[in-house]
N, C-alpha and C. Protein backbone atom coordinates (compact mmCIF):
# COMPACT_ATOMS: atom_id res chain seq x y z
N MET A 1 -37.58 -2.34 31.22
CA MET A 1 -37.36 -1.55 30.01
C MET A 1 -36.23 -0.43 30.41
N LYS A 2 -35.36 -0.33 29.43
CA LYS A 2 -34.27 0.65 29.60
C LYS A 2 -34.76 2.05 29.26
N LYS A 3 -33.94 3.05 29.64
CA LYS A 3 -34.14 4.41 29.16
C LYS A 3 -32.97 4.76 28.33
N GLU A 4 -33.11 5.27 27.08
CA GLU A 4 -32.14 5.75 26.21
C GLU A 4 -31.94 7.27 26.50
N ILE A 5 -30.69 7.68 26.69
CA ILE A 5 -30.34 8.97 26.87
C ILE A 5 -29.49 9.45 25.77
N GLU A 6 -29.99 10.51 25.07
CA GLU A 6 -29.34 11.02 23.93
C GLU A 6 -28.17 11.91 24.24
N ARG A 7 -27.05 11.69 23.59
CA ARG A 7 -25.83 12.57 23.86
C ARG A 7 -25.34 12.87 22.37
N LYS A 8 -25.29 14.13 22.15
CA LYS A 8 -24.86 14.55 20.71
C LYS A 8 -23.69 15.40 20.84
N PHE A 9 -22.63 15.24 20.04
CA PHE A 9 -21.43 15.94 20.04
C PHE A 9 -21.08 16.42 18.63
N LEU A 10 -20.52 17.55 18.55
CA LEU A 10 -20.11 18.14 17.31
C LEU A 10 -18.61 17.79 17.10
N VAL A 11 -18.35 17.07 16.06
CA VAL A 11 -16.96 16.57 15.83
C VAL A 11 -16.49 17.41 14.66
N ARG A 12 -15.28 17.99 14.80
CA ARG A 12 -14.60 18.71 13.76
C ARG A 12 -13.26 18.13 13.41
N GLY A 13 -13.02 17.93 12.09
CA GLY A 13 -11.82 17.35 11.57
C GLY A 13 -11.78 15.87 11.82
N ASN A 14 -10.64 15.25 11.53
CA ASN A 14 -10.45 13.85 11.61
C ASN A 14 -9.53 13.41 12.67
N LEU A 15 -9.14 14.33 13.64
CA LEU A 15 -8.24 13.91 14.64
C LEU A 15 -8.77 12.79 15.60
N PHE A 16 -10.12 12.67 15.59
CA PHE A 16 -10.70 11.61 16.46
C PHE A 16 -10.34 10.15 15.96
N LYS A 17 -10.01 10.04 14.65
CA LYS A 17 -9.73 8.71 14.14
C LYS A 17 -8.54 8.03 14.76
N LYS A 18 -7.60 8.79 15.20
CA LYS A 18 -6.40 8.14 15.77
C LYS A 18 -6.69 7.54 17.18
N PHE A 19 -7.83 7.94 17.73
CA PHE A 19 -8.22 7.42 19.00
C PHE A 19 -9.16 6.30 18.92
N SER A 20 -9.68 5.99 17.75
CA SER A 20 -10.70 4.93 17.67
C SER A 20 -10.06 3.64 17.89
N ILE A 21 -10.81 2.67 18.47
CA ILE A 21 -10.27 1.38 18.76
C ILE A 21 -10.92 0.14 18.09
N GLU A 22 -12.09 0.43 17.38
CA GLU A 22 -12.76 -0.61 16.66
C GLU A 22 -13.66 0.00 15.62
N LYS A 23 -14.01 -0.86 14.68
CA LYS A 23 -14.76 -0.53 13.56
C LYS A 23 -15.99 -1.50 13.46
N LYS A 24 -17.21 -0.93 13.26
CA LYS A 24 -18.38 -1.79 13.14
C LYS A 24 -19.11 -1.54 11.78
N HIS A 25 -19.56 -2.58 11.29
CA HIS A 25 -20.45 -2.45 10.06
C HIS A 25 -21.91 -2.59 10.53
N ILE A 26 -22.73 -1.49 10.32
CA ILE A 26 -24.07 -1.44 10.78
C ILE A 26 -25.01 -1.36 9.55
N LEU A 27 -26.09 -2.19 9.58
CA LEU A 27 -27.14 -2.15 8.69
C LEU A 27 -28.39 -1.95 9.47
N GLN A 28 -29.28 -0.97 9.13
CA GLN A 28 -30.49 -0.68 9.90
C GLN A 28 -31.69 -0.45 8.99
N GLY A 29 -32.76 -1.02 9.36
CA GLY A 29 -33.99 -0.85 8.64
C GLY A 29 -35.15 -0.50 9.58
N TYR A 30 -36.01 0.38 9.18
CA TYR A 30 -37.20 0.80 9.97
C TYR A 30 -38.37 -0.05 9.60
N LEU A 31 -39.05 -0.68 10.59
CA LEU A 31 -40.23 -1.49 10.29
C LEU A 31 -41.48 -0.56 10.53
N ASN A 32 -41.36 0.29 11.41
CA ASN A 32 -42.49 1.17 11.78
C ASN A 32 -41.92 2.46 12.35
N LYS A 33 -42.42 3.54 11.87
CA LYS A 33 -42.06 4.81 12.39
C LYS A 33 -43.16 5.81 12.48
N ASP A 34 -43.53 6.18 13.78
CA ASP A 34 -44.61 7.20 13.91
C ASP A 34 -44.23 8.01 15.08
N HIS A 35 -45.13 8.91 15.43
CA HIS A 35 -44.81 9.85 16.52
C HIS A 35 -44.72 9.27 17.90
N ASN A 36 -45.25 7.97 18.13
CA ASN A 36 -45.23 7.41 19.34
C ASN A 36 -44.18 6.32 19.56
N ARG A 37 -43.70 5.82 18.50
CA ARG A 37 -42.70 4.69 18.50
C ARG A 37 -41.88 4.58 17.39
N THR A 38 -40.71 3.97 17.52
CA THR A 38 -39.87 3.70 16.34
C THR A 38 -39.48 2.22 16.49
N VAL A 39 -39.63 1.42 15.41
CA VAL A 39 -39.29 -0.07 15.44
C VAL A 39 -38.22 -0.28 14.45
N THR A 40 -37.05 -0.78 14.83
CA THR A 40 -35.90 -1.04 13.87
C THR A 40 -35.34 -2.43 14.00
N VAL A 41 -34.79 -2.87 12.95
CA VAL A 41 -34.01 -4.14 12.96
C VAL A 41 -32.63 -3.63 12.58
N ARG A 42 -31.65 -4.07 13.42
CA ARG A 42 -30.26 -3.57 13.23
C ARG A 42 -29.28 -4.75 13.27
N LEU A 43 -28.45 -4.77 12.30
CA LEU A 43 -27.39 -5.81 12.17
C LEU A 43 -26.04 -5.11 12.46
N ILE A 44 -25.40 -5.47 13.59
CA ILE A 44 -24.08 -4.88 13.86
C ILE A 44 -23.08 -5.98 13.77
N ASN A 45 -22.15 -5.89 12.77
CA ASN A 45 -21.20 -7.06 12.44
C ASN A 45 -22.09 -8.28 12.21
N GLU A 46 -22.05 -9.24 13.06
CA GLU A 46 -22.86 -10.44 12.81
C GLU A 46 -23.88 -10.74 13.91
N VAL A 47 -24.38 -9.66 14.54
CA VAL A 47 -25.32 -9.73 15.60
C VAL A 47 -26.55 -8.94 15.20
N GLY A 48 -27.79 -9.59 15.46
CA GLY A 48 -29.04 -8.92 15.14
C GLY A 48 -29.72 -8.39 16.43
N TYR A 49 -30.49 -7.28 16.15
CA TYR A 49 -31.25 -6.62 17.23
C TYR A 49 -32.59 -6.19 16.72
N LEU A 50 -33.64 -6.39 17.50
CA LEU A 50 -34.96 -5.73 17.23
C LEU A 50 -35.11 -4.79 18.34
N THR A 51 -35.40 -3.49 17.95
CA THR A 51 -35.49 -2.42 18.94
C THR A 51 -36.81 -1.61 18.78
N ILE A 52 -37.44 -1.37 19.97
CA ILE A 52 -38.63 -0.49 19.94
C ILE A 52 -38.31 0.63 20.88
N LYS A 53 -38.45 1.86 20.32
CA LYS A 53 -38.20 3.06 21.13
C LYS A 53 -39.47 3.91 21.22
N GLY A 54 -39.73 4.42 22.38
CA GLY A 54 -40.93 5.21 22.57
C GLY A 54 -40.63 6.69 22.19
N ARG A 55 -41.69 7.47 22.47
CA ARG A 55 -41.58 8.87 22.17
C ARG A 55 -40.53 9.58 23.10
N SER A 56 -39.81 10.59 22.61
CA SER A 56 -38.83 11.30 23.35
C SER A 56 -39.53 12.19 24.34
N ASN A 57 -38.85 12.54 25.43
CA ASN A 57 -39.40 13.44 26.43
C ASN A 57 -39.47 14.85 25.79
N LYS A 58 -40.02 15.87 26.48
CA LYS A 58 -40.13 17.14 25.97
C LYS A 58 -38.86 17.81 25.53
N GLU A 59 -37.76 17.51 26.26
CA GLU A 59 -36.47 18.11 25.92
C GLU A 59 -35.76 17.32 24.78
N GLY A 60 -36.26 16.11 24.44
CA GLY A 60 -35.68 15.33 23.38
C GLY A 60 -34.38 14.63 23.81
N THR A 61 -34.20 14.49 25.07
CA THR A 61 -32.98 13.92 25.58
C THR A 61 -33.00 12.42 26.07
N SER A 62 -34.30 11.98 26.28
CA SER A 62 -34.35 10.59 26.62
C SER A 62 -35.77 9.96 26.19
N ARG A 63 -35.82 8.67 26.14
CA ARG A 63 -36.92 7.94 25.86
C ARG A 63 -36.77 6.42 26.27
N LEU A 64 -38.02 5.66 26.42
CA LEU A 64 -37.91 4.36 26.80
C LEU A 64 -37.45 3.59 25.54
N GLU A 65 -36.82 2.45 25.90
CA GLU A 65 -36.24 1.64 24.79
C GLU A 65 -36.33 0.16 25.20
N TRP A 66 -36.78 -0.75 24.29
CA TRP A 66 -36.74 -2.14 24.51
C TRP A 66 -35.95 -2.81 23.38
N GLU A 67 -35.02 -3.68 23.69
CA GLU A 67 -34.23 -4.27 22.68
C GLU A 67 -34.09 -5.75 22.91
N LYS A 68 -33.99 -6.53 21.81
CA LYS A 68 -33.85 -7.98 21.93
C LYS A 68 -32.90 -8.39 20.86
N PHE A 69 -32.02 -9.41 21.20
CA PHE A 69 -31.14 -10.08 20.23
C PHE A 69 -32.02 -10.91 19.38
N ILE A 70 -31.74 -11.00 18.10
CA ILE A 70 -32.44 -11.80 17.16
C ILE A 70 -31.36 -12.58 16.37
N PRO A 71 -31.76 -13.77 15.75
CA PRO A 71 -30.82 -14.46 14.95
C PRO A 71 -30.51 -13.55 13.73
N ILE A 72 -29.24 -13.65 13.22
CA ILE A 72 -28.85 -12.85 12.06
C ILE A 72 -29.79 -13.28 10.82
N SER A 73 -30.18 -14.43 10.78
CA SER A 73 -31.02 -14.90 9.65
C SER A 73 -32.40 -14.16 9.62
N GLU A 74 -32.87 -13.84 10.83
CA GLU A 74 -34.27 -13.12 10.93
C GLU A 74 -34.02 -11.57 10.59
N GLY A 75 -32.87 -11.21 10.76
CA GLY A 75 -32.52 -9.69 10.63
C GLY A 75 -32.29 -9.35 9.14
N LYS A 76 -31.96 -10.29 8.29
CA LYS A 76 -31.70 -10.04 6.91
C LYS A 76 -32.93 -10.01 6.06
């Protein structure tokens, strides 16, 4: 099982756009969301993912994460 580490940045203005190298279309739906876990289905371009994330640590900076590729047909 992986550990997700949260990194948040404040972006001001649109200057960042000239440094971007790719664009992705993301669709995401929540199957279950409670205080102990979050279950999502995510479609990124033409790739599907099922993700389960545990509760964040006290600082809110990391949590356990399990992710699996799924067929795009199952994600729709």
